[in-house]
């Protein structure tokens, strides 16, 4: 598979972290990009991974497809702990309700790895 950009990775991660559908305006706002840019990036992601990686429902928004290994796509392995730590920090700072266990699940890491990543 082709390597995806940071912005595309952020889109996939946000969709994976959201229960149900999220509107395009809300998702674009979270990512600090325009709705047009969001649509273009989703088109690119779909070309790389297939149309059903990101589901669209008129009037509801976008949702991640169920049949994808998100950790493989995002390549969030132990090889990139600093990158993962920065992403986790961003999630903690910009999300209202952060649950330790859900954060570990979201990033496809164990609770002990998350504990090491957030330890100061």
Protein backbone atom coordinates (compact mmCIF):
# COMPACT_ATOMS: atom_id res chain seq x y z
CA UNK A 1 0.00 0.00 0.00
CA UNK A 2 1.01 3.57 -0.55
CA UNK A 3 2.05 5.73 2.35
CA UNK A 4 -0.60 8.22 3.36
CA UNK A 5 0.01 11.84 4.31
CA UNK A 6 -0.19 13.17 7.85
CA UNK A 7 -3.48 14.92 7.05
CA UNK A 8 -4.98 11.72 5.61
CA UNK A 9 -3.79 9.85 8.68
CA UNK A 10 -5.45 12.47 10.90
CA UNK A 11 -8.72 12.06 8.98
CA UNK A 12 -8.67 8.28 9.40
CA UNK A 13 -7.72 8.56 13.08
CA UNK A 14 -10.52 11.07 13.78
CA UNK A 15 -13.07 8.85 12.05
CA UNK A 16 -11.80 5.78 13.93
CA UNK A 17 -12.12 7.70 17.23
CA UNK A 18 -15.69 8.78 16.52
CA UNK A 19 -18.70 6.62 17.31
CA UNK A 20 -21.15 6.78 14.44
CA UNK A 21 -21.09 9.43 11.76
CA UNK A 22 -19.43 12.84 11.96
CA UNK A 23 -20.40 15.75 9.74
CA UNK A 24 -17.93 17.10 7.22
CA UNK A 25 -17.99 20.60 8.71
CA UNK A 26 -17.23 19.25 12.20
CA UNK A 27 -14.44 16.98 10.94
CA UNK A 28 -12.89 19.78 8.87
CA UNK A 29 -13.06 22.06 11.92
CA UNK A 30 -11.31 19.46 14.11
CA UNK A 31 -8.54 19.16 11.52
CA UNK A 32 -8.32 22.89 10.80
CA UNK A 33 -8.88 22.37 7.07
CA UNK A 34 -11.58 23.41 4.63
CA UNK A 35 -14.51 21.14 3.80
CA UNK A 36 -13.29 21.09 0.18
CA UNK A 37 -9.84 19.89 1.29
CA UNK A 38 -11.50 17.24 3.46
CA UNK A 39 -13.48 15.95 0.47
CA UNK A 40 -10.35 15.89 -1.70
CA UNK A 41 -8.40 13.97 0.95
CA UNK A 42 -11.23 11.46 1.42
CA UNK A 43 -11.28 10.91 -2.35
CA UNK A 44 -7.53 10.22 -2.26
CA UNK A 45 -7.87 7.83 0.71
CA UNK A 46 -10.62 5.95 -1.13
CA UNK A 47 -8.44 5.64 -4.24
CA UNK A 48 -5.68 4.12 -2.11
CA UNK A 49 -7.76 1.76 0.06
CA UNK A 50 -11.12 1.32 -1.62
CA UNK A 51 -14.42 3.16 -1.61
CA UNK A 52 -15.70 1.52 1.57
CA UNK A 53 -12.85 2.62 3.86
CA UNK A 54 -14.81 5.81 4.55
CA UNK A 55 -18.58 5.53 4.44
CA UNK A 56 -20.74 8.55 3.60
CA UNK A 57 -24.37 9.04 4.52
CA UNK A 58 -26.17 12.11 3.19
CA UNK A 59 -27.18 14.38 6.04
CA UNK A 60 -25.06 12.43 8.58
CA UNK A 61 -21.48 12.71 7.36
CA UNK A 62 -18.59 10.26 7.36
CA UNK A 63 -17.76 7.06 9.20
CA UNK A 64 -14.81 4.67 9.00
CA UNK A 65 -15.54 1.34 7.31
CA UNK A 66 -15.57 -1.73 9.55
CA UNK A 67 -13.41 -4.07 7.46
CA UNK A 68 -10.09 -2.23 7.71
CA UNK A 69 -7.03 -2.71 9.91
CA UNK A 70 -6.61 0.91 10.94
CA UNK A 71 -3.35 0.30 12.83
CA UNK A 72 -1.79 -1.15 9.68
CA UNK A 73 -2.94 1.79 7.59
CA UNK A 74 -1.73 4.34 10.12
CA UNK A 75 1.48 2.42 10.78
CA UNK A 76 1.42 3.23 14.49
CA UNK A 77 3.93 0.62 15.54
CA UNK A 78 6.57 0.65 18.25
CA UNK A 79 9.02 1.87 15.58
CA UNK A 80 7.58 5.39 15.88
CA UNK A 81 7.07 6.06 19.60
CA UNK A 82 7.78 9.80 19.42
CA UNK A 83 5.27 10.28 16.63
CA UNK A 84 2.71 8.26 18.58
CA UNK A 85 3.41 10.24 21.76
CA UNK A 86 2.80 13.53 19.95
CA UNK A 87 -0.46 12.23 18.51
CA UNK A 88 -1.58 11.04 21.95
CA UNK A 89 -0.71 14.41 23.46
CA UNK A 90 -2.76 16.14 20.77
CA UNK A 91 -5.70 13.83 21.51
CA UNK A 92 -5.48 14.59 25.24
CA UNK A 93 -5.27 18.33 24.71
CA UNK A 94 -8.03 18.69 22.14
CA UNK A 95 -10.65 16.17 23.27
CA UNK A 96 -13.04 16.94 26.12
CA UNK A 97 -13.58 13.44 27.44
CA UNK A 98 -10.41 11.36 27.42
CA UNK A 99 -10.57 7.88 28.89
CA UNK A 100 -7.24 6.13 29.50
CA UNK A 101 -8.44 2.73 28.25
CA UNK A 102 -10.24 4.14 25.23
CA UNK A 103 -7.12 6.14 24.37
CA UNK A 104 -5.06 2.94 24.38
CA UNK A 105 -7.65 1.19 22.19
CA UNK A 106 -7.83 4.15 19.84
CA UNK A 107 -4.09 4.04 19.23
CA UNK A 108 -3.96 0.25 19.10
CA UNK A 109 -1.49 0.01 21.97
CA UNK A 110 -1.53 -1.68 25.37
CA UNK A 111 -2.33 0.22 28.55
CA UNK A 112 1.28 -0.25 29.71
CA UNK A 113 2.61 1.29 26.49
CA UNK A 114 0.22 4.23 26.90
CA UNK A 115 1.35 4.65 30.49
CA UNK A 116 4.99 4.82 29.32
CA UNK A 117 4.08 7.24 26.54
CA UNK A 118 2.32 9.73 28.83
CA UNK A 119 4.71 9.48 31.76
CA UNK A 120 6.58 12.74 32.36
